[in-house]
């Protein structure tokens, strides 16, 4: 994966997250195995203006549910195979072919988001 491809994928996911309402002060849970998708998701949340909450798929399900609920996360990016039973209304399942197709059709350019140094992510 080149740097350009990484940023294009992050931008596409960021545009999708923005369309779902993610913006400044939004918390987005990330429940993904370590790998390229995790890096893309971290960058995408920042590009969308939000802050990410790492949720280790190896944690017990009760712990993950508590962390997600306690944080007030408004969305989740994950894989249904590891996080499908977490209690959240807005989820982006990266292992869903329909979601991948939707992401592929999003713009690969950076979303226009104004950020400030006192925001949650920074």
N, C-alpha and C. Protein backbone atom coordinates (compact mmCIF):
# COMPACT_ATOMS: atom_id res chain seq x y z
N UNK A 1 0.85 -1.18 0.00
CA UNK A 1 0.00 0.00 0.00
C UNK A 1 0.89 1.23 0.00
N UNK A 2 0.71 2.07 -0.97
CA UNK A 2 1.50 3.30 -1.03
C UNK A 2 0.87 4.35 -0.12
N UNK A 3 1.63 5.40 0.16
CA UNK A 3 1.09 6.50 0.97
C UNK A 3 -0.13 7.10 0.28
N UNK A 4 -0.07 7.27 -1.02
CA UNK A 4 -1.21 7.82 -1.75
C UNK A 4 -2.44 6.94 -1.65
N UNK A 5 -2.27 5.62 -1.75
CA UNK A 5 -3.39 4.69 -1.61
C UNK A 5 -3.95 4.72 -0.19
N UNK A 6 -3.06 4.81 0.79
CA UNK A 6 -3.48 4.90 2.19
C UNK A 6 -4.37 6.12 2.40
N UNK A 7 -3.91 7.26 1.92
CA UNK A 7 -4.68 8.49 2.10
C UNK A 7 -5.99 8.46 1.32
N UNK A 8 -5.98 7.88 0.14
CA UNK A 8 -7.22 7.78 -0.65
C UNK A 8 -8.25 6.94 0.10
N UNK A 9 -7.83 5.80 0.64
CA UNK A 9 -8.76 4.94 1.38
C UNK A 9 -9.25 5.64 2.64
N UNK A 10 -8.35 6.34 3.35
CA UNK A 10 -8.75 7.07 4.56
C UNK A 10 -9.75 8.17 4.21
N UNK A 11 -9.49 8.88 3.12
CA UNK A 11 -10.40 9.95 2.70
C UNK A 11 -11.78 9.39 2.34
N UNK A 12 -11.82 8.26 1.65
CA UNK A 12 -13.10 7.66 1.29
C UNK A 12 -13.89 7.28 2.53
N UNK A 13 -13.21 6.68 3.51
CA UNK A 13 -13.89 6.33 4.75
C UNK A 13 -14.29 7.59 5.51
N UNK A 14 -13.45 8.62 5.49
CA UNK A 14 -13.78 9.89 6.16
C UNK A 14 -15.04 10.51 5.56
N UNK A 15 -15.15 10.51 4.24
CA UNK A 15 -16.36 11.04 3.60
C UNK A 15 -17.58 10.24 4.03
N UNK A 16 -17.42 8.94 4.13
CA UNK A 16 -18.54 8.08 4.56
C UNK A 16 -18.92 8.40 6.01
N UNK A 17 -17.93 8.54 6.87
CA UNK A 17 -18.21 8.87 8.27
C UNK A 17 -18.90 10.23 8.38
N UNK A 18 -18.45 11.20 7.60
CA UNK A 18 -19.09 12.52 7.61
C UNK A 18 -20.56 12.40 7.20
N UNK A 19 -20.83 11.56 6.19
CA UNK A 19 -22.21 11.36 5.74
C UNK A 19 -23.06 10.72 6.84
N UNK A 20 -22.43 9.99 7.75
CA UNK A 20 -23.14 9.37 8.86
C UNK A 20 -23.26 10.29 10.07
N UNK A 21 -22.70 11.51 9.96
CA UNK A 21 -22.84 12.48 11.04
C UNK A 21 -21.61 12.66 11.91
N UNK A 22 -20.52 11.99 11.60
CA UNK A 22 -19.30 12.15 12.39
C UNK A 22 -18.68 13.51 12.07
N UNK A 23 -18.31 14.21 13.11
CA UNK A 23 -17.68 15.52 12.95
C UNK A 23 -16.93 15.87 14.21
N UNK A 24 -16.73 17.15 14.44
CA UNK A 24 -16.01 17.63 15.60
C UNK A 24 -16.64 17.08 16.88
N UNK A 25 -15.78 16.62 17.77
CA UNK A 25 -16.17 16.09 19.08
C UNK A 25 -16.90 14.75 19.02
N UNK A 26 -17.03 14.17 17.85
CA UNK A 26 -17.61 12.83 17.74
C UNK A 26 -16.57 11.80 18.16
N UNK A 27 -17.03 10.78 18.85
CA UNK A 27 -16.17 9.66 19.22
C UNK A 27 -16.58 8.47 18.37
N UNK A 28 -15.60 7.86 17.72
CA UNK A 28 -15.85 6.71 16.86
C UNK A 28 -15.06 5.53 17.40
N UNK A 29 -15.76 4.48 17.77
CA UNK A 29 -15.10 3.26 18.21
C UNK A 29 -14.48 2.53 17.02
N UNK A 30 -13.28 2.01 17.23
CA UNK A 30 -12.61 1.22 16.20
C UNK A 30 -12.35 -0.17 16.77
N UNK A 31 -13.03 -1.17 16.24
CA UNK A 31 -12.84 -2.54 16.69
C UNK A 31 -12.42 -3.37 15.50
N UNK A 32 -11.11 -3.36 15.27
CA UNK A 32 -10.52 -4.03 14.10
C UNK A 32 -9.27 -4.77 14.53
N UNK A 33 -8.95 -5.85 13.84
CA UNK A 33 -7.65 -6.48 14.08
C UNK A 33 -6.55 -5.53 13.62
N UNK A 34 -5.37 -5.67 14.18
CA UNK A 34 -4.25 -4.83 13.76
C UNK A 34 -3.94 -5.10 12.30
N UNK A 35 -3.73 -4.00 11.56
CA UNK A 35 -3.43 -4.14 10.14
C UNK A 35 -3.73 -2.84 9.41
N UNK A 36 -3.75 -2.93 8.11
CA UNK A 36 -3.95 -1.77 7.26
C UNK A 36 -5.30 -1.11 7.53
N UNK A 37 -6.36 -1.91 7.68
CA UNK A 37 -7.68 -1.31 7.92
C UNK A 37 -7.71 -0.48 9.19
N UNK A 38 -6.97 -0.89 10.21
CA UNK A 38 -6.92 -0.12 11.45
C UNK A 38 -6.26 1.24 11.21
N UNK A 39 -5.16 1.26 10.48
CA UNK A 39 -4.47 2.51 10.19
C UNK A 39 -5.36 3.42 9.35
N UNK A 40 -6.02 2.85 8.35
CA UNK A 40 -6.94 3.62 7.51
C UNK A 40 -8.06 4.22 8.37
N UNK A 41 -8.61 3.43 9.28
CA UNK A 41 -9.72 3.91 10.11
C UNK A 41 -9.29 5.04 11.04
N UNK A 42 -8.11 4.92 11.65
CA UNK A 42 -7.61 5.98 12.53
C UNK A 42 -7.50 7.29 11.75
N UNK A 43 -6.85 7.23 10.59
CA UNK A 43 -6.71 8.44 9.76
C UNK A 43 -8.06 8.98 9.32
N UNK A 44 -8.98 8.08 8.97
CA UNK A 44 -10.30 8.51 8.50
C UNK A 44 -11.07 9.26 9.58
N UNK A 45 -11.02 8.76 10.80
CA UNK A 45 -11.72 9.44 11.89
C UNK A 45 -11.15 10.84 12.07
N UNK A 46 -9.83 10.96 12.07
CA UNK A 46 -9.21 12.29 12.18
C UNK A 46 -9.60 13.17 10.99
N UNK A 47 -9.57 12.61 9.79
CA UNK A 47 -9.94 13.38 8.59
C UNK A 47 -11.39 13.86 8.67
N UNK A 48 -12.25 13.09 9.33
CA UNK A 48 -13.66 13.46 9.48
C UNK A 48 -13.85 14.48 10.60
N UNK A 49 -12.81 14.72 11.40
CA UNK A 49 -12.88 15.69 12.48
C UNK A 49 -13.15 15.09 13.84
N UNK A 50 -13.27 13.77 13.91
CA UNK A 50 -13.61 13.11 15.17
C UNK A 50 -12.40 12.59 15.93
N UNK A 51 -12.69 11.91 17.01
CA UNK A 51 -11.67 11.25 17.82
C UNK A 51 -11.99 9.76 17.85
N UNK A 52 -10.95 8.93 17.88
CA UNK A 52 -11.22 7.50 17.84
C UNK A 52 -11.01 6.87 19.22
N UNK A 53 -11.75 5.81 19.45
CA UNK A 53 -11.66 5.01 20.66
C UNK A 53 -11.21 3.61 20.25
N UNK A 54 -9.98 3.22 20.57
CA UNK A 54 -9.54 1.88 20.18
C UNK A 54 -10.22 0.81 21.05
N UNK A 55 -10.79 -0.16 20.39
CA UNK A 55 -11.45 -1.28 21.06
C UNK A 55 -10.77 -2.57 20.59
N UNK A 56 -9.96 -3.15 21.44
CA UNK A 56 -9.20 -4.35 21.08
C UNK A 56 -10.15 -5.53 20.94
N UNK A 57 -10.22 -6.15 19.77
CA UNK A 57 -11.12 -7.29 19.57
C UNK A 57 -10.81 -8.47 20.49
N UNK A 58 -9.63 -8.48 21.11
CA UNK A 58 -9.26 -9.56 22.02
C UNK A 58 -9.86 -9.37 23.41
N UNK A 59 -10.39 -8.18 23.71
CA UNK A 59 -11.01 -7.94 25.01
C UNK A 59 -12.30 -8.73 25.12
N UNK A 60 -12.70 -9.06 26.35
CA UNK A 60 -14.00 -9.73 26.53
C UNK A 60 -15.14 -8.83 26.02
N UNK A 61 -16.18 -9.46 25.51
CA UNK A 61 -17.31 -8.73 24.93
C UNK A 61 -17.93 -7.76 25.93
N UNK A 62 -18.03 -8.15 27.19
CA UNK A 62 -18.60 -7.25 28.20
C UNK A 62 -17.77 -5.99 28.37
N UNK A 63 -16.45 -6.13 28.33
CA UNK A 63 -15.56 -4.97 28.46
C UNK A 63 -15.74 -4.04 27.25
N UNK A 64 -15.80 -4.60 26.05
CA UNK A 64 -15.99 -3.79 24.85
C UNK A 64 -17.32 -3.05 24.89
N UNK A 65 -18.38 -3.73 25.31
CA UNK A 65 -19.69 -3.09 25.41
C UNK A 65 -19.64 -1.93 26.40
N UNK A 66 -19.00 -2.15 27.56
CA UNK A 66 -18.89 -1.09 28.56
C UNK A 66 -18.12 0.11 28.00
N UNK A 67 -16.97 -0.15 27.38
CA UNK A 67 -16.15 0.94 26.83
C UNK A 67 -16.92 1.75 25.80
N UNK A 68 -17.61 1.06 24.92
CA UNK A 68 -18.36 1.73 23.86
C UNK A 68 -19.49 2.57 24.45
N UNK A 69 -20.23 2.01 25.38
CA UNK A 69 -21.34 2.73 26.00
C UNK A 69 -20.84 3.88 26.86
N UNK A 70 -19.83 3.63 27.68
CA UNK A 70 -19.31 4.65 28.60
C UNK A 70 -18.71 5.84 27.86
N UNK A 71 -18.13 5.60 26.70
CA UNK A 71 -17.48 6.68 25.95
C UNK A 71 -18.48 7.61 25.26
N UNK A 72 -19.69 7.12 25.06
CA UNK A 72 -20.68 7.91 24.32
C UNK A 72 -20.39 7.92 22.83
N UNK A 73 -19.70 6.90 22.33
CA UNK A 73 -19.36 6.83 20.91
C UNK A 73 -20.62 6.92 20.05
N UNK A 74 -20.51 7.71 18.98
CA UNK A 74 -21.65 7.88 18.09
C UNK A 74 -21.62 6.92 16.91
N UNK A 75 -20.48 6.28 16.68
CA UNK A 75 -20.35 5.36 15.55
C UNK A 75 -19.27 4.33 15.87
N UNK A 76 -19.25 3.29 15.07
CA UNK A 76 -18.27 2.22 15.20
C UNK A 76 -17.78 1.83 13.82
N UNK A 77 -16.47 1.67 13.69
CA UNK A 77 -15.89 1.10 12.48
C UNK A 77 -15.28 -0.22 12.92
N UNK A 78 -15.67 -1.29 12.27
CA UNK A 78 -15.17 -2.59 12.69
C UNK A 78 -15.44 -3.65 11.65
N UNK A 79 -15.24 -4.85 12.08
CA UNK A 79 -15.58 -6.02 11.28
C UNK A 79 -16.67 -6.76 12.02
N UNK A 80 -17.71 -7.08 11.30
CA UNK A 80 -18.86 -7.77 11.92
C UNK A 80 -18.40 -9.07 12.59
N UNK A 81 -17.39 -9.70 12.02
CA UNK A 81 -16.92 -10.97 12.56
C UNK A 81 -16.33 -10.84 13.96
N UNK A 82 -15.86 -9.66 14.35
CA UNK A 82 -15.28 -9.48 15.69
C UNK A 82 -16.08 -8.51 16.56
N UNK A 83 -16.95 -7.70 15.97
CA UNK A 83 -17.64 -6.67 16.76
C UNK A 83 -19.14 -6.60 16.47
N UNK A 84 -19.67 -7.60 15.80
CA UNK A 84 -21.05 -7.55 15.35
C UNK A 84 -22.10 -7.47 16.42
N UNK A 85 -21.75 -7.81 17.67
CA UNK A 85 -22.77 -7.78 18.72
C UNK A 85 -22.64 -6.57 19.65
N UNK A 86 -21.82 -5.59 19.26
CA UNK A 86 -21.67 -4.41 20.10
C UNK A 86 -22.89 -3.49 19.95
N UNK A 87 -23.30 -2.85 21.04
CA UNK A 87 -24.53 -2.05 21.04
C UNK A 87 -24.33 -0.65 20.47
N UNK A 88 -24.49 -0.51 19.18
CA UNK A 88 -24.37 0.80 18.54
C UNK A 88 -25.28 0.84 17.33
N UNK A 89 -25.88 1.99 17.10
CA UNK A 89 -26.81 2.13 15.97
C UNK A 89 -26.09 2.37 14.65
N UNK A 90 -24.99 3.14 14.69
CA UNK A 90 -24.28 3.52 13.47
C UNK A 90 -22.98 2.75 13.40
N UNK A 91 -22.90 1.79 12.49
CA UNK A 91 -21.70 0.97 12.35
C UNK A 91 -21.30 0.89 10.89
N UNK A 92 -19.99 0.88 10.66
CA UNK A 92 -19.43 0.68 9.33
C UNK A 92 -18.66 -0.63 9.39
N UNK A 93 -19.19 -1.66 8.75
CA UNK A 93 -18.58 -2.99 8.77
C UNK A 93 -17.66 -3.14 7.57
N UNK A 94 -16.37 -3.11 7.82
CA UNK A 94 -15.40 -3.16 6.73
C UNK A 94 -15.29 -4.54 6.08
N UNK A 95 -15.86 -5.57 6.71
CA UNK A 95 -15.85 -6.89 6.09
C UNK A 95 -17.15 -7.17 5.33
N UNK A 96 -17.97 -6.14 5.13
CA UNK A 96 -19.20 -6.26 4.35
C UNK A 96 -18.93 -5.79 2.92
N UNK A 97 -19.13 -6.65 1.92
CA UNK A 97 -18.86 -6.26 0.53
C UNK A 97 -19.66 -5.03 0.08
N UNK A 98 -20.88 -4.87 0.57
CA UNK A 98 -21.67 -3.69 0.19
C UNK A 98 -21.05 -2.41 0.72
N UNK A 99 -20.53 -2.47 1.94
CA UNK A 99 -19.86 -1.30 2.52
C UNK A 99 -18.60 -0.99 1.73
N UNK A 100 -17.84 -2.00 1.39
CA UNK A 100 -16.62 -1.79 0.60
C UNK A 100 -16.96 -1.13 -0.74
N UNK A 101 -18.04 -1.58 -1.36
CA UNK A 101 -18.47 -0.99 -2.63
C UNK A 101 -18.84 0.48 -2.44
N UNK A 102 -19.58 0.77 -1.37
CA UNK A 102 -19.96 2.15 -1.08
C UNK A 102 -18.72 3.01 -0.87
N UNK A 103 -17.75 2.51 -0.10
CA UNK A 103 -16.52 3.26 0.16
C UNK A 103 -15.74 3.52 -1.12
N UNK A 104 -15.70 2.52 -2.00
CA UNK A 104 -14.98 2.67 -3.27
C UNK A 104 -15.55 3.79 -4.13
N UNK A 105 -16.84 4.11 -3.91
CA UNK A 105 -17.49 5.16 -4.69
C UNK A 105 -17.48 6.53 -4.02
N UNK A 106 -16.86 6.63 -2.86
CA UNK A 106 -16.73 7.92 -2.18
C UNK A 106 -15.53 8.66 -2.76
N UNK A 107 -15.49 9.99 -2.62
CA UNK A 107 -14.34 10.76 -3.14
C UNK A 107 -13.04 10.37 -2.41
N UNK A 108 -11.95 10.36 -3.15
CA UNK A 108 -10.64 10.02 -2.58
C UNK A 108 -9.89 11.28 -2.13
N UNK A 109 -10.56 12.42 -2.22
CA UNK A 109 -9.94 13.68 -1.79
C UNK A 109 -10.28 13.93 -0.32
N UNK A 110 -9.48 14.75 0.32
CA UNK A 110 -9.72 15.07 1.74
C UNK A 110 -11.04 15.81 1.89
N UNK A 111 -11.82 15.42 2.91
CA UNK A 111 -13.04 16.19 3.16
C UNK A 111 -12.68 17.57 3.72
N UNK A 112 -13.51 18.54 3.45
CA UNK A 112 -13.29 19.89 3.95
C UNK A 112 -13.81 19.98 5.38
N UNK A 113 -12.90 19.88 6.33
CA UNK A 113 -13.25 19.89 7.74
C UNK A 113 -12.36 20.91 8.44
N UNK A 114 -12.98 21.78 9.21
CA UNK A 114 -12.23 22.75 9.99
C UNK A 114 -11.96 22.14 11.37
N UNK A 115 -10.72 22.14 11.77
CA UNK A 115 -10.36 21.60 13.09
C UNK A 115 -9.67 22.68 13.91
N UNK A 116 -9.78 22.53 15.22
CA UNK A 116 -9.18 23.48 16.14
C UNK A 116 -8.34 22.72 17.17
N UNK A 117 -7.28 23.33 17.67
CA UNK A 117 -6.38 22.60 18.58
C UNK A 117 -7.00 22.16 19.89
N UNK A 118 -8.13 22.75 20.29
CA UNK A 118 -8.75 22.35 21.55
C UNK A 118 -9.81 21.25 21.39
N UNK A 119 -9.94 20.70 20.18
CA UNK A 119 -10.88 19.63 19.97
C UNK A 119 -10.42 18.34 20.64
N UNK A 120 -11.38 17.47 20.91
CA UNK A 120 -11.14 16.23 21.62
C UNK A 120 -10.00 15.40 21.03
N UNK A 121 -9.92 15.31 19.72
CA UNK A 121 -8.91 14.47 19.07
C UNK A 121 -7.50 14.98 19.29
N UNK A 122 -7.35 16.26 19.63
CA UNK A 122 -6.03 16.86 19.71
C UNK A 122 -5.65 17.20 21.12
